[in-house]
C-alpha atoms as a PDB file:
ATOM      1  CA  MET A   1     -10.331  19.962-142.605  1.00  0.00           C
ATOM      2  CA  LEU A   2     -12.913  17.677-144.416  1.00  0.00           C
ATOM      3  CA  VAL A   3     -12.125  13.705-142.507  1.00  0.00           C
ATOM      4  CA  LEU A   4     -13.871  11.107-144.178  1.00  0.00           C
ATOM      5  CA  SER A   5     -14.328   7.187-144.090  1.00  0.00           C
ATOM      6  CA  ARG A   6     -13.565   6.028-147.476  1.00  0.00           C
ATOM      7  CA  LYS A   7     -13.209   2.344-148.482  1.00  0.00           C
ATOM      8  CA  LYS A   8     -11.193   0.334-150.814  1.00  0.00           C
ATOM      9  CA  ASN A   9     -12.337   2.151-154.479  1.00  0.00           C
ATOM     10  CA  GLU A  10     -14.435   4.716-152.795  1.00  0.00           C
ATOM     11  CA  SER A  11     -13.780   7.450-154.519  1.00  0.00           C
ATOM     12  CA  ILE A  12     -14.404  12.012-153.293  1.00  0.00           C
ATOM     13  CA  ILE A  13     -14.438  14.795-155.865  1.00  0.00           C
ATOM     14  CA  ILE A  14     -13.181  16.961-155.846  1.00  0.00           C
ATOM     15  CA  ASN A  15     -14.182  20.727-157.500  1.00  0.00           C
ATOM     16  CA  ASP A  16     -15.324  18.084-160.441  1.00  0.00           C
ATOM     17  CA  HIS A  17     -11.971  17.534-161.922  1.00  0.00           C
ATOM     18  CA  ILE A  18     -10.199  15.492-159.599  1.00  0.00           C
ATOM     19  CA  THR A  19     -11.195  12.164-158.155  1.00  0.00           C
ATOM     20  CA  VAL A  20      -9.031  10.450-155.651  1.00  0.00           C
ATOM     21  CA  THR A  21     -10.048   6.115-154.751  1.00  0.00           C
ATOM     22  CA  VAL A  22      -8.842   4.300-152.237  1.00  0.00           C
ATOM     23  CA  VAL A  23      -6.451   2.116-154.713  1.00  0.00           C
ATOM     24  CA  GLU A  24      -5.333  -0.189-151.602  1.00  0.00           C
ATOM     25  CA  ILE A  25      -5.138   0.096-147.615  1.00  0.00           C
ATOM     26  CA  ARG A  26      -2.348  -2.330-146.417  1.00  0.00           C
ATOM     27  CA  GLY A  27      -1.985  -2.212-142.317  1.00  0.00           C
ATOM     28  CA  ASP A  28      -1.050   1.814-141.481  1.00  0.00           C
ATOM     29  CA  LYS A  29      -1.327   2.466-145.161  1.00  0.00           C
ATOM     30  CA  VAL A  30      -3.185   3.275-148.092  1.00  0.00           C
ATOM     31  CA  ARG A  31      -2.745   3.723-151.345  1.00  0.00           C
ATOM     32  CA  LEU A  32      -4.958   6.341-153.135  1.00  0.00           C
ATOM     33  CA  GLY A  33      -4.934   6.963-156.887  1.00  0.00           C
ATOM     34  CA  ILE A  34      -5.370  10.801-158.140  1.00  0.00           C
ATOM     35  CA  ASP A  35      -7.637  11.382-161.699  1.00  0.00           C
ATOM     36  CA  ALA A  36      -7.206  15.199-162.547  1.00  0.00           C
ATOM     37  CA  PRO A  37      -5.980  17.122-165.538  1.00  0.00           C
ATOM     38  CA  LYS A  38      -2.414  17.894-166.966  1.00  0.00           C
ATOM     39  CA  ASP A  39      -2.717  21.461-166.167  1.00  0.00           C
ATOM     40  CA  ILE A  40      -2.945  20.371-161.850  1.00  0.00           C
ATOM     41  CA  SER A  41       0.185  19.573-160.007  1.00  0.00           C
ATOM     42  CA  VAL A  42      -0.047  16.914-157.794  1.00  0.00           C
ATOM     43  CA  HIS A  43       2.320  15.962-154.846  1.00  0.00           C
ATOM     44  CA  ARG A  44       3.307  14.454-152.085  1.00  0.00           C
ATOM     45  CA  ARG A  45       3.630  17.183-149.741  1.00  0.00           C
ATOM     46  CA  GLU A  46       7.209  16.291-148.857  1.00  0.00           C
ATOM     47  CA  ILE A  47       8.022  16.694-152.686  1.00  0.00           C
ATOM     48  CA  PHE A  48       6.206  19.724-152.617  1.00  0.00           C
ATOM     49  CA  GLU A  49       7.528  21.363-149.946  1.00  0.00           C
ATOM     50  CA  ALA A  50      11.425  21.135-151.849  1.00  0.00           C
ATOM     51  CA  ILE A  51       9.474  22.003-154.675  1.00  0.00           C
ATOM     52  CA  GLN A  52       8.290  25.744-152.682  1.00  0.00           C
ATOM     53  CA  ASN A  53      12.445  25.563-151.102  1.00  0.00           C
ATOM     54  CA  GLN A  54      14.193  25.013-154.345  1.00  0.00           C
ATOM     55  CA  ALA A  55      12.192  28.131-155.655  1.00  0.00           C
ATOM     56  CA  LYS A  56      12.906  30.487-152.564  1.00  0.00           C
ATOM     57  CA  SER A  57      16.744  28.924-152.729  1.00  0.00           C
ATOM     58  CA  ARG A  58      16.672  30.484-156.935  1.00  0.00           C
ATOM     59  CA  GLU A  59      14.586  33.825-155.883  1.00  0.00           C
ATOM     60  CA  ALA A  60      17.058  34.740-153.455  1.00  0.00           C
ATOM     61  CA  SER A  61      20.305  34.143-155.737  1.00  0.00           C
ATOM     62  CA  ALA A  62      19.248  35.897-158.147  1.00  0.00           C
ATOM     63  CA  PRO A  63      19.963  39.402-159.257  1.00  0.00           C
ATOM     64  CA  ALA A  64      18.405  42.388-157.305  1.00  0.00           C
ATOM     65  CA  ALA A  65      16.807  44.190-160.253  1.00  0.00           C
ATOM     66  CA  THR A  66      17.794  47.537-160.926  1.00  0.00           C
ATOM     67  CA  PRO A  67      15.059  49.782-161.386  1.00  0.00           C
ATOM     68  CA  VAL A  68      14.888  52.000-163.934  1.00  0.00           C
ATOM     69  CA  LEU A  69      15.180  56.787-162.760  1.00  0.00           C
ATOM     70  CA  PRO A  70      14.422  59.218-165.202  1.00  0.00           C
ATOM     71  CA  ASP A  71      17.092  60.771-167.083  1.00  0.00           C
ATOM     72  CA  PRO A  72      18.443  63.608-165.013  1.00  0.00           C
ATOM     73  CA  ASN A  73      18.662  65.744-168.199  1.00  0.00           C
ATOM     74  CA  PRO A  74      15.903  65.407-171.599  1.00  0.00           C
ATOM     75  CA  ARG A  75      17.226  67.080-173.695  1.00  0.00           C
END
């Protein structure tokens, strides 16, 4: 893990397309602004985990696909 120190209004750049800026520091909380392309999803960890768990639940409840077997009596 890369650990960086930043002050208010300072930023970091990720992969030339994502900018993370320290917007506010208040006590033990830091507010971050994230500027990313619309095709990049940005979520808080707890939301991301909820989305992943929901997707896993859907996959588990989906009916299993029936394999297509070759016709034993071809014409």
